[in-house]
Amino acid sequence: MTTHAHDTPLKLCRERPEFAVDLAGEMLGIPIPDYDEAIPYSECATDSVVRDLNADNVVLCREGGTPRLGVILEIQRGTDKRKRFSWPAYQVNIRHRISAPVVLIVVCPTSTVADWAAEPIETGHPGFVFQPLVLGPDNYPKLTTVTGTGELAEQMVLGTLIHQFAADSRRLFAAASEELAALPPDRAARYAEYMMRQLSEQPRTILEALVQQETYPYQSKLLTDREARGEARGEAKGAAEILIDVIEARGLSLSENQRRRIEQCTDTNQIRAWAKRAVTAPSVGDIID
């Protein structure tokens, strides 16, 4: 099961796809071609129906409808030798699909994992050494200057994850909370929720205490949304568990990506619609796709 620390940076990219491009260009110095739109793109890195090969998040930059650049964003909290094989596959397959350059960025909340992720990957083909681009505590900026416009909201929210154990984390939390105040209340409340849920227990306690001491325009919206989502999640979670039980009882093959999609769905009506299909559908893909 995925964690909030894993999902939050991806949600930021889904809220504003340009954020992935910002990470590539501003944070890592990747040349960004001219483009007029950045849109969410399928995370599936292969057209094969035999096995899943899905990146965490993919953004596609287009100009006049023509793909110019793909940005893959991966969240990595621990070492995993399987990634040494899947990361190059993501880049190569998506590059093939969009017929444009593709870069892969790995976000790591700890220096140890960041150092591991940055190691060159020998693919076995002469001259083809895959080098992941990594953002971690040692190269991600500590943003403490509030713009008053909200333009650094995504960068600051992600920064609270990467630098949550830093000695000056309280300053980062305070700046991020204030930066959100310039956003529309609905979006600011979502970002504040993302920020709180991605943190470990001790940093989250610090952030919650800080927020309680201040008054931000989005606070009432945040509290209302948290209460409403808590009730909805309880009902949706129960429906999701039943759906998974039905799928497993029928002996259907359920991939980790499909399980995650079901577990993370908060729309009870959608889960019920899937459950009706689950009675007779020949595969999980026919149920939820």
C-alpha atoms as a PDB file:
ATOM      1  CA  MET A   1       0.000   0.000   0.000  1.00  0.00           C
ATOM      2  CA  THR A   2       1.339   3.442  -0.877  1.00  0.00           C
ATOM      3  CA  THR A   3       1.867   6.143   1.753  1.00  0.00           C
ATOM      4  CA  HIS A   4       0.886   9.790   1.915  1.00  0.00           C
ATOM      5  CA  ALA A   5       4.583  10.702   1.774  1.00  0.00           C
ATOM      6  CA  HIS A   6       4.722   8.828  -1.517  1.00  0.00           C
ATOM      7  CA  ASP A   7       1.494  10.224  -2.970  1.00  0.00           C
ATOM      8  CA  THR A   8       1.660  13.906  -1.974  1.00  0.00           C
ATOM      9  CA  PRO A   9       4.349  15.024  -4.462  1.00  0.00           C
ATOM     10  CA  LEU A  10       2.437  13.194  -7.177  1.00  0.00           C
ATOM     11  CA  LYS A  11      -0.795  14.964  -6.221  1.00  0.00           C
ATOM     12  CA  LEU A  12       1.010  18.295  -6.554  1.00  0.00           C
ATOM     13  CA  CYS A  13       1.911  17.369 -10.146  1.00  0.00           C
ATOM     14  CA  ARG A  14      -1.655  16.315 -10.847  1.00  0.00           C
ATOM     15  CA  GLU A  15      -2.932  19.607  -9.419  1.00  0.00           C
ATOM     16  CA  ARG A  16      -0.430  21.583 -11.517  1.00  0.00           C
ATOM     17  CA  PRO A  17       1.453  19.489 -14.111  1.00  0.00           C
ATOM     18  CA  GLU A  18       3.873  22.360 -14.725  1.00  0.00           C
ATOM     19  CA  PHE A  19       5.360  21.626 -11.284  1.00  0.00           C
ATOM     20  CA  ALA A  20       7.107  18.530 -12.679  1.00  0.00           C
ATOM     21  CA  VAL A  21       8.585  20.720 -15.411  1.00  0.00           C
ATOM     22  CA  ASP A  22       9.716  23.241 -12.762  1.00  0.00           C
ATOM     23  CA  LEU A  23      11.546  20.476 -10.924  1.00  0.00           C
ATOM     24  CA  ALA A  24      13.324  19.411 -14.111  1.00  0.00           C
ATOM     25  CA  GLY A  25      14.215  22.915 -15.296  1.00  0.00           C
ATOM     26  CA  GLU A  26      14.623  25.085 -12.204  1.00  0.00           C
ATOM     27  CA  MET A  27      15.855  22.504  -9.725  1.00  0.00           C
ATOM     28  CA  LEU A  28      17.942  20.264 -11.984  1.00  0.00           C
ATOM     29  CA  GLY A  29      18.941  22.551 -14.856  1.00  0.00           C
ATOM     30  CA  ILE A  30      17.418  20.413 -17.621  1.00  0.00           C
ATOM     31  CA  PRO A  31      16.920  22.447 -20.836  1.00  0.00           C
ATOM     32  CA  ILE A  32      13.167  22.817 -21.333  1.00  0.00           C
ATOM     33  CA  PRO A  33      11.980  23.230 -24.938  1.00  0.00           C
ATOM     34  CA  ASP A  34       9.337  25.790 -25.853  1.00  0.00           C
ATOM     35  CA  TYR A  35       5.863  24.452 -25.074  1.00  0.00           C
ATOM     36  CA  ASP A  36       2.391  25.890 -24.669  1.00  0.00           C
ATOM     37  CA  GLU A  37       0.811  23.297 -22.379  1.00  0.00           C
ATOM     38  CA  ALA A  38       1.807  20.709 -19.813  1.00  0.00           C
ATOM     39  CA  ILE A  39      -0.739  17.953 -19.289  1.00  0.00           C
ATOM     40  CA  PRO A  40      -0.990  14.785 -17.183  1.00  0.00           C
ATOM     41  CA  TYR A  41       0.106  11.754 -19.183  1.00  0.00           C
ATOM     42  CA  SER A  42      -0.452   8.053 -18.664  1.00  0.00           C
ATOM     43  CA  GLU A  43       1.948   6.610 -16.090  1.00  0.00           C
ATOM     44  CA  CYS A  44       1.856   3.269 -17.915  1.00  0.00           C
ATOM     45  CA  ALA A  45       5.267   2.831 -19.521  1.00  0.00           C
ATOM     46  CA  THR A  46       4.366  -0.110 -21.724  1.00  0.00           C
ATOM     47  CA  ASP A  47       1.543  -1.269 -23.948  1.00  0.00           C
ATOM     48  CA  SER A  48       2.061  -4.893 -22.882  1.00  0.00           C
ATOM     49  CA  VAL A  49      -0.902  -6.611 -21.239  1.00  0.00           C
ATOM     50  CA  VAL A  50       1.345  -9.246 -19.685  1.00  0.00           C
ATOM     51  CA  ARG A  51       2.710  -7.212 -16.778  1.00  0.00           C
ATOM     52  CA  ASP A  52       2.273  -3.745 -15.307  1.00  0.00           C
ATOM     53  CA  LEU A  53       5.042  -1.208 -15.829  1.00  0.00           C
ATOM     54  CA  ASN A  54       3.815   2.002 -14.273  1.00  0.00           C
ATOM     55  CA  ALA A  55       5.752   5.076 -13.201  1.00  0.00           C
ATOM     56  CA  ASP A  56       4.504   7.169 -10.291  1.00  0.00           C
ATOM     57  CA  ASN A  57       3.680  10.267 -12.339  1.00  0.00           C
ATOM     58  CA  VAL A  58       4.250  11.471 -15.912  1.00  0.00           C
ATOM     59  CA  VAL A  59       3.742  14.951 -17.352  1.00  0.00           C
ATOM     60  CA  LEU A  60       3.776  15.688 -21.073  1.00  0.00           C
ATOM     61  CA  CYS A  61       4.786  19.095 -22.437  1.00  0.00           C
ATOM     62  CA  ARG A  62       3.268  19.858 -25.843  1.00  0.00           C
ATOM     63  CA  GLU A  63       3.479  22.710 -28.313  1.00  0.00           C
ATOM     64  CA  GLY A  64       0.662  23.020 -30.788  1.00  0.00           C
ATOM     65  CA  GLY A  65      -0.401  19.515 -29.811  1.00  0.00           C
ATOM     66  CA  THR A  66       3.061  18.064 -30.588  1.00  0.00           C
ATOM     67  CA  PRO A  67       4.934  16.335 -27.723  1.00  0.00           C
ATOM     68  CA  ARG A  68       8.128  18.204 -26.821  1.00  0.00           C
ATOM     69  CA  LEU A  69       9.185  16.691 -23.489  1.00  0.00           C
ATOM     70  CA  GLY A  70       8.111  14.023 -21.015  1.00  0.00           C
ATOM     71  CA  VAL A  71       8.885  14.310 -17.290  1.00  0.00           C
ATOM     72  CA  ILE A  72       8.669  11.182 -15.120  1.00  0.00           C
ATOM     73  CA  LEU A  73       8.469  11.744 -11.353  1.00  0.00           C
ATOM     74  CA  GLU A  74       9.283   8.884  -8.993  1.00  0.00           C
ATOM     75  CA  ILE A  75       9.068   9.003  -5.175  1.00  0.00           C
ATOM     76  CA  GLN A  76      11.606   6.763  -3.454  1.00  0.00           C
ATOM     77  CA  ARG A  77      11.734   6.358   0.343  1.00  0.00           C
ATOM     78  CA  GLY A  78      13.993   3.303   0.475  1.00  0.00           C
ATOM     79  CA  THR A  79      16.424   1.349  -1.656  1.00  0.00           C
ATOM     80  CA  ASP A  80      14.873  -1.138  -4.060  1.00  0.00           C
ATOM     81  CA  LYS A  81      17.063  -3.057  -6.499  1.00  0.00           C
ATOM     82  CA  ARG A  82      14.085  -3.568  -8.830  1.00  0.00           C
ATOM     83  CA  LYS A  83      14.135   0.152  -9.623  1.00  0.00           C
ATOM     84  CA  ARG A  84      17.535  -0.311 -11.259  1.00  0.00           C
ATOM     85  CA  PHE A  85      15.651  -2.160 -13.987  1.00  0.00           C
ATOM     86  CA  SER A  86      12.281  -0.374 -14.067  1.00  0.00           C
ATOM     87  CA  TRP A  87      13.556   3.228 -14.194  1.00  0.00           C
ATOM     88  CA  PRO A  88      15.408   2.849 -17.515  1.00  0.00           C
ATOM     89  CA  ALA A  89      12.377   0.950 -18.857  1.00  0.00           C
ATOM     90  CA  TYR A  90      10.050   3.841 -17.949  1.00  0.00           C
ATOM     91  CA  GLN A  91      12.259   6.342 -19.765  1.00  0.00           C
ATOM     92  CA  VAL A  92      12.784   4.243 -22.881  1.00  0.00           C
ATOM     93  CA  ASN A  93       9.162   3.131 -23.240  1.00  0.00           C
ATOM     94  CA  ILE A  94       7.593   6.535 -22.703  1.00  0.00           C
ATOM     95  CA  ARG A  95      10.171   8.138 -25.011  1.00  0.00           C
ATOM     96  CA  HIS A  96       9.097   5.595 -27.624  1.00  0.00           C
ATOM     97  CA  ARG A  97       5.406   6.364 -27.063  1.00  0.00           C
ATOM     98  CA  ILE A  98       5.629  10.153 -27.289  1.00  0.00           C
ATOM     99  CA  SER A  99       8.538  10.377 -29.800  1.00  0.00           C
ATOM    100  CA  ALA A 100      10.192  13.115 -27.738  1.00  0.00           C
ATOM    101  CA  PRO A 101      12.905  13.456 -25.070  1.00  0.00           C
ATOM    102  CA  VAL A 102      12.039  12.129 -21.596  1.00  0.00           C
ATOM    103  CA  VAL A 103      13.717  12.799 -18.242  1.00  0.00           C
ATOM    104  CA  LEU A 104      13.243  10.828 -15.022  1.00  0.00           C
ATOM    105  CA  ILE A 105      13.366  12.578 -11.629  1.00  0.00           C
ATOM    106  CA  VAL A 106      13.570  10.687  -8.341  1.00  0.00           C
ATOM    107  CA  VAL A 107      12.492  12.505  -5.154  1.00  0.00           C
ATOM    108  CA  CYS A 108      14.120  11.102  -2.003  1.00  0.00           C
ATOM    109  CA  PRO A 109      13.357  12.357   1.532  1.00  0.00           C
ATOM    110  CA  THR A 110      16.688  11.055   2.916  1.00  0.00           C
ATOM    111  CA  SER A 111      20.286  11.583   1.820  1.00  0.00           C
ATOM    112  CA  THR A 112      21.076   7.884   2.051  1.00  0.00           C
ATOM    113  CA  VAL A 113      18.370   6.928  -0.433  1.00  0.00           C
ATOM    114  CA  ALA A 114      19.209   9.928  -2.632  1.00  0.00           C
ATOM    115  CA  ASP A 115      22.851   8.813  -2.886  1.00  0.00           C
ATOM    116  CA  TRP A 116      21.723   5.299  -3.821  1.00  0.00           C
ATOM    117  CA  ALA A 117      19.218   6.538  -6.400  1.00  0.00           C
ATOM    118  CA  ALA A 118      21.830   8.784  -8.047  1.00  0.00           C
ATOM    119  CA  GLU A 119      24.166   5.881  -8.829  1.00  0.00           C
ATOM    120  CA  PRO A 120      24.552   5.303 -12.606  1.00  0.00           C
ATOM    121  CA  ILE A 121      22.673   2.254 -13.883  1.00  0.00           C
ATOM    122  CA  GLU A 122      24.625   0.002 -16.215  1.00  0.00           C
ATOM    123  CA  THR A 123      22.134  -1.328 -18.751  1.00  0.00           C
ATOM    124  CA  GLY A 124      24.516  -3.792 -20.374  1.00  0.00           C
ATOM    125  CA  HIS A 125      24.392  -2.037 -23.745  1.00  0.00           C
ATOM    126  CA  PRO A 126      27.716  -0.383 -24.730  1.00  0.00           C
ATOM    127  CA  GLY A 127      27.528   3.362 -24.200  1.00  0.00           C
ATOM    128  CA  PHE A 128      24.093   3.243 -22.584  1.00  0.00           C
ATOM    129  CA  VAL A 129      24.440   4.116 -18.896  1.00  0.00           C
ATOM    130  CA  PHE A 130      21.213   5.433 -17.380  1.00  0.00           C
ATOM    131  CA  GLN A 131      21.662   8.271 -14.888  1.00  0.00           C
ATOM    132  CA  PRO A 132      18.579   9.100 -12.762  1.00  0.00           C
ATOM    133  CA  LEU A 133      18.105  12.737 -11.806  1.00  0.00           C
ATOM    134  CA  VAL A 134      17.695  12.998  -8.045  1.00  0.00           C
ATOM    135  CA  LEU A 135      16.219  15.604  -5.692  1.00  0.00           C
ATOM    136  CA  GLY A 136      16.959  15.082  -2.002  1.00  0.00           C
ATOM    137  CA  PRO A 137      17.982  16.911   1.189  1.00  0.00           C
ATOM    138  CA  ASP A 138      21.428  17.755  -0.195  1.00  0.00           C
ATOM    139  CA  ASN A 139      20.292  19.544  -3.368  1.00  0.00           C
ATOM    140  CA  TYR A 140      16.668  20.587  -2.809  1.00  0.00           C
ATOM    141  CA  PRO A 141      16.517  24.239  -1.646  1.00  0.00           C
ATOM    142  CA  LYS A 142      15.190  25.231   1.749  1.00  0.00           C
ATOM    143  CA  LEU A 143      12.572  27.785   0.770  1.00  0.00           C
ATOM    144  CA  THR A 144      11.761  30.194   3.588  1.00  0.00           C
ATOM    145  CA  THR A 145      10.967  33.425   1.706  1.00  0.00           C
ATOM    146  CA  VAL A 146       7.227  33.861   1.181  1.00  0.00           C
ATOM    147  CA  THR A 147       6.283  35.367  -2.189  1.00  0.00           C
ATOM    148  CA  GLY A 148       2.778  36.466  -1.251  1.00  0.00           C
ATOM    149  CA  THR A 149       1.511  35.111  -4.582  1.00  0.00           C
ATOM    150  CA  GLY A 150       1.534  31.364  -3.923  1.00  0.00           C
ATOM    151  CA  GLU A 151       3.853  30.728  -6.883  1.00  0.00           C
ATOM    152  CA  LEU A 152       6.170  28.594  -4.722  1.00  0.00           C
ATOM    153  CA  ALA A 153       3.379  26.624  -3.047  1.00  0.00           C
ATOM    154  CA  GLU A 154       4.178  23.272  -4.682  1.00  0.00           C
ATOM    155  CA  GLN A 155       7.928  23.660  -4.182  1.00  0.00           C
ATOM    156  CA  MET A 156       7.444  24.513  -0.503  1.00  0.00           C
ATOM    157  CA  VAL A 157       5.015  21.651   0.151  1.00  0.00           C
ATOM    158  CA  LEU A 158       7.454  19.196  -1.408  1.00  0.00           C
ATOM    159  CA  GLY A 159      10.263  20.826   0.581  1.00  0.00           C
ATOM    160  CA  THR A 160       8.514  20.014   3.856  1.00  0.00           C
ATOM    161  CA  LEU A 161       8.697  16.327   2.928  1.00  0.00           C
ATOM    162  CA  ILE A 162      12.341  16.380   1.859  1.00  0.00           C
ATOM    163  CA  HIS A 163      13.535  18.534   4.782  1.00  0.00           C
ATOM    164  CA  GLN A 164      11.104  17.378   7.471  1.00  0.00           C
ATOM    165  CA  PHE A 165      13.931  16.251   9.791  1.00  0.00           C
ATOM    166  CA  ALA A 166      16.119  19.331   9.288  1.00  0.00           C
ATOM    167  CA  ALA A 167      17.046  21.380  12.347  1.00  0.00           C
ATOM    168  CA  ASP A 168      15.285  24.410  10.864  1.00  0.00           C
ATOM    169  CA  SER A 169      12.180  22.519   9.710  1.00  0.00           C
ATOM    170  CA  ARG A 170       9.905  24.808  11.724  1.00  0.00           C
ATOM    171  CA  ARG A 171      10.943  27.777   9.526  1.00  0.00           C
ATOM    172  CA  LEU A 172      10.169  25.742   6.411  1.00  0.00           C
ATOM    173  CA  PHE A 173       6.767  24.712   7.776  1.00  0.00           C
ATOM    174  CA  ALA A 174       5.919  28.308   8.693  1.00  0.00           C
ATOM    175  CA  ALA A 175       6.895  29.646   5.273  1.00  0.00           C
ATOM    176  CA  ALA A 176       4.963  26.921   3.442  1.00  0.00           C
ATOM    177  CA  SER A 177       1.834  27.520   5.524  1.00  0.00           C
ATOM    178  CA  GLU A 178       1.989  31.256   4.840  1.00  0.00           C
ATOM    179  CA  GLU A 179       2.659  30.726   1.113  1.00  0.00           C
ATOM    180  CA  LEU A 180      -0.554  28.696   0.843  1.00  0.00           C
ATOM    181  CA  ALA A 181      -2.580  31.656   2.109  1.00  0.00           C
ATOM    182  CA  ALA A 182      -2.319  33.341  -1.314  1.00  0.00           C
ATOM    183  CA  LEU A 183      -3.980  30.420  -3.099  1.00  0.00           C
ATOM    184  CA  PRO A 184      -7.746  29.932  -3.550  1.00  0.00           C
ATOM    185  CA  PRO A 185      -9.074  28.472  -0.262  1.00  0.00           C
ATOM    186  CA  ASP A 186     -10.049  25.096  -1.781  1.00  0.00           C
ATOM    187  CA  ARG A 187      -6.623  24.525  -3.290  1.00  0.00           C
ATOM    188  CA  ALA A 188      -4.792  25.859  -0.234  1.00  0.00           C
ATOM    189  CA  ALA A 189      -6.769  23.505   2.023  1.00  0.00           C
ATOM    190  CA  ARG A 190      -5.878  20.533  -0.196  1.00  0.00           C
ATOM    191  CA  TYR A 191      -2.207  21.470  -0.159  1.00  0.00           C
ATOM    192  CA  ALA A 192      -2.231  21.918   3.616  1.00  0.00           C
ATOM    193  CA  GLU A 193      -3.811  18.481   3.948  1.00  0.00           C
ATOM    194  CA  TYR A 194      -1.193  16.996   1.615  1.00  0.00           C
ATOM    195  CA  MET A 195       1.557  18.598   3.677  1.00  0.00           C
ATOM    196  CA  MET A 196       0.266  17.272   6.991  1.00  0.00           C
ATOM    197  CA  ARG A 197      -0.413  13.765   5.767  1.00  0.00           C
ATOM    198  CA  GLN A 198       2.978  13.263   4.124  1.00  0.00           C
ATOM    199  CA  LEU A 199       4.986  13.991   7.285  1.00  0.00           C
ATOM    200  CA  SER A 200       6.202  11.560   9.909  1.00  0.00           C
ATOM    201  CA  GLU A 201       4.649  11.823  13.362  1.00  0.00           C
ATOM    202  CA  GLN A 202       7.097  14.222  15.027  1.00  0.00           C
ATOM    203  CA  PRO A 203       7.329  16.750  12.151  1.00  0.00           C
ATOM    204  CA  ARG A 204       3.539  16.605  11.715  1.00  0.00           C
ATOM    205  CA  THR A 205       3.065  17.461  15.396  1.00  0.00           C
ATOM    206  CA  ILE A 206       5.294  20.502  14.947  1.00  0.00           C
ATOM    207  CA  LEU A 207       3.351  21.624  11.862  1.00  0.00           C
ATOM    208  CA  GLU A 208      -0.062  21.138  13.499  1.00  0.00           C
ATOM    209  CA  ALA A 209       1.025  23.153  16.545  1.00  0.00           C
ATOM    210  CA  LEU A 210       2.311  25.900  14.275  1.00  0.00           C
ATOM    211  CA  VAL A 211      -0.916  26.068  12.258  1.00  0.00           C
ATOM    212  CA  GLN A 212      -2.999  26.264  15.420  1.00  0.00           C
ATOM    213  CA  GLN A 213      -0.995  29.294  16.566  1.00  0.00           C
ATOM    214  CA  GLU A 214      -1.704  31.229  13.379  1.00  0.00           C
ATOM    215  CA  THR A 215      -4.815  32.213  11.434  1.00  0.00           C
ATOM    216  CA  TYR A 216      -4.819  31.446   7.719  1.00  0.00           C
ATOM    217  CA  PRO A 217      -7.725  32.067   5.290  1.00  0.00           C
ATOM    218  CA  TYR A 218      -7.886  28.380   4.367  1.00  0.00           C
ATOM    219  CA  GLN A 219      -8.012  26.977   7.916  1.00  0.00           C
ATOM    220  CA  SER A 220     -11.799  26.696   8.235  1.00  0.00           C
ATOM    221  CA  LYS A 221     -12.005  25.080   4.791  1.00  0.00           C
ATOM    222  CA  LEU A 222      -9.260  22.640   5.782  1.00  0.00           C
ATOM    223  CA  LEU A 223     -11.057  21.574   8.966  1.00  0.00           C
ATOM    224  CA  THR A 224     -14.429  21.200   7.202  1.00  0.00           C
ATOM    225  CA  ASP A 225     -12.884  19.172   4.394  1.00  0.00           C
ATOM    226  CA  ARG A 226     -11.007  16.914   6.817  1.00  0.00           C
ATOM    227  CA  GLU A 227     -14.212  16.087   8.678  1.00  0.00           C
ATOM    228  CA  ALA A 228     -16.180  15.433   5.469  1.00  0.00           C
ATOM    229  CA  ARG A 229     -13.404  13.333   3.944  1.00  0.00           C
ATOM    230  CA  GLY A 230     -13.119  11.329   7.139  1.00  0.00           C
ATOM    231  CA  GLU A 231     -16.770  10.278   6.890  1.00  0.00           C
ATOM    232  CA  ALA A 232     -16.549   9.587   3.135  1.00  0.00           C
ATOM    233  CA  ARG A 233     -13.335   7.607   3.487  1.00  0.00           C
ATOM    234  CA  GLY A 234     -14.885   5.385   6.132  1.00  0.00           C
ATOM    235  CA  GLU A 235     -17.731   4.392   3.797  1.00  0.00           C
ATOM    236  CA  ALA A 236     -15.506   4.127   0.707  1.00  0.00           C
ATOM    237  CA  LYS A 237     -12.885   2.084   2.549  1.00  0.00           C
ATOM    238  CA  GLY A 238     -15.459  -0.505   3.550  1.00  0.00           C
ATOM    239  CA  ALA A 239     -16.815  -0.730   0.000  1.00  0.00           C
ATOM    240  CA  ALA A 240     -13.267  -1.060  -1.395  1.00  0.00           C
ATOM    241  CA  GLU A 241     -12.481  -3.936   0.978  1.00  0.00           C
ATOM    242  CA  ILE A 242     -15.614  -5.787  -0.142  1.00  0.00           C
ATOM    243  CA  LEU A 243     -14.743  -5.241  -3.811  1.00  0.00           C
ATOM    244  CA  ILE A 244     -11.238  -6.640  -3.296  1.00  0.00           C
ATOM    245  CA  ASP A 245     -12.694  -9.627  -1.439  1.00  0.00           C
ATOM    246  CA  VAL A 246     -14.992 -10.353  -4.415  1.00  0.00           C
ATOM    247  CA  ILE A 247     -12.112 -10.074  -6.886  1.00  0.00           C
ATOM    248  CA  GLU A 248      -9.902 -12.390  -4.850  1.00  0.00           C
ATOM    249  CA  ALA A 249     -12.737 -14.858  -4.236  1.00  0.00           C
ATOM    250  CA  ARG A 250     -13.219 -15.146  -8.005  1.00  0.00           C
ATOM    251  CA  GLY A 251      -9.516 -15.858  -8.419  1.00  0.00           C
ATOM    252  CA  LEU A 252      -8.900 -12.857 -10.708  1.00  0.00           C
ATOM    253  CA  SER A 253      -5.341 -11.531 -11.028  1.00  0.00           C
ATOM    254  CA  LEU A 254      -5.095  -8.222  -9.124  1.00  0.00           C
ATOM    255  CA  SER A 255      -1.936  -6.177  -9.719  1.00  0.00           C
ATOM    256  CA  GLU A 256      -0.470  -3.871  -7.085  1.00  0.00           C
ATOM    257  CA  ASN A 257      -1.352  -0.863  -9.223  1.00  0.00           C
ATOM    258  CA  GLN A 258      -4.990  -1.994  -9.540  1.00  0.00           C
ATOM    259  CA  ARG A 259      -5.229  -2.717  -5.803  1.00  0.00           C
ATOM    260  CA  ARG A 260      -3.849   0.734  -5.061  1.00  0.00           C
ATOM    261  CA  ARG A 261      -6.387   2.356  -7.389  1.00  0.00           C
ATOM    262  CA  ILE A 262      -9.262   0.625  -5.614  1.00  0.00           C
ATOM    263  CA  GLU A 263      -7.958   1.359  -2.118  1.00  0.00           C
ATOM    264  CA  GLN A 264      -7.377   5.039  -2.896  1.00  0.00           C
ATOM    265  CA  CYS A 265     -10.785   5.631  -4.483  1.00  0.00           C
ATOM    266  CA  THR A 266     -12.947   7.806  -2.211  1.00  0.00           C
ATOM    267  CA  ASP A 267     -16.014   7.808  -4.473  1.00  0.00           C
ATOM    268  CA  THR A 268     -18.366   5.224  -2.955  1.00  0.00           C
ATOM    269  CA  ASN A 269     -20.667   5.307  -6.007  1.00  0.00           C
ATOM    270  CA  GLN A 270     -17.739   4.503  -8.280  1.00  0.00           C
ATOM    271  CA  ILE A 271     -16.693   1.563  -6.099  1.00  0.00           C
ATOM    272  CA  ARG A 272     -20.251   0.236  -6.113  1.00  0.00           C
ATOM    273  CA  ALA A 273     -20.331   0.454  -9.919  1.00  0.00           C
ATOM    274  CA  TRP A 274     -17.088  -1.538 -10.045  1.00  0.00           C
ATOM    275  CA  ALA A 275     -18.544  -4.078  -7.635  1.00  0.00           C
ATOM    276  CA  LYS A 276     -21.487  -4.738  -9.980  1.00  0.00           C
ATOM    277  CA  ARG A 277     -19.066  -5.482 -12.815  1.00  0.00           C
ATOM    278  CA  ALA A 278     -16.930  -7.657 -10.533  1.00  0.00           C
ATOM    279  CA  VAL A 279     -19.630 -10.326 -10.420  1.00  0.00           C
ATOM    280  CA  THR A 280     -19.187 -11.345 -14.089  1.00  0.00           C
ATOM    281  CA  ALA A 281     -16.211  -9.445 -15.558  1.00  0.00           C
ATOM    282  CA  PRO A 282     -13.449 -11.728 -16.919  1.00  0.00           C
ATOM    283  CA  SER A 283     -10.580  -9.599 -15.569  1.00  0.00           C
ATOM    284  CA  VAL A 284      -9.852  -6.764 -13.148  1.00  0.00           C
ATOM    285  CA  GLY A 285      -9.100  -4.544 -16.137  1.00  0.00           C
ATOM    286  CA  ASP A 286     -12.689  -5.007 -17.292  1.00  0.00           C
ATOM    287  CA  ILE A 287     -13.902  -3.993 -13.830  1.00  0.00           C
ATOM    288  CA  ILE A 288     -12.039  -0.740 -13.210  1.00  0.00           C
ATOM    289  CA  ASP A 289     -10.850   0.402 -16.648  1.00  0.00           C
END
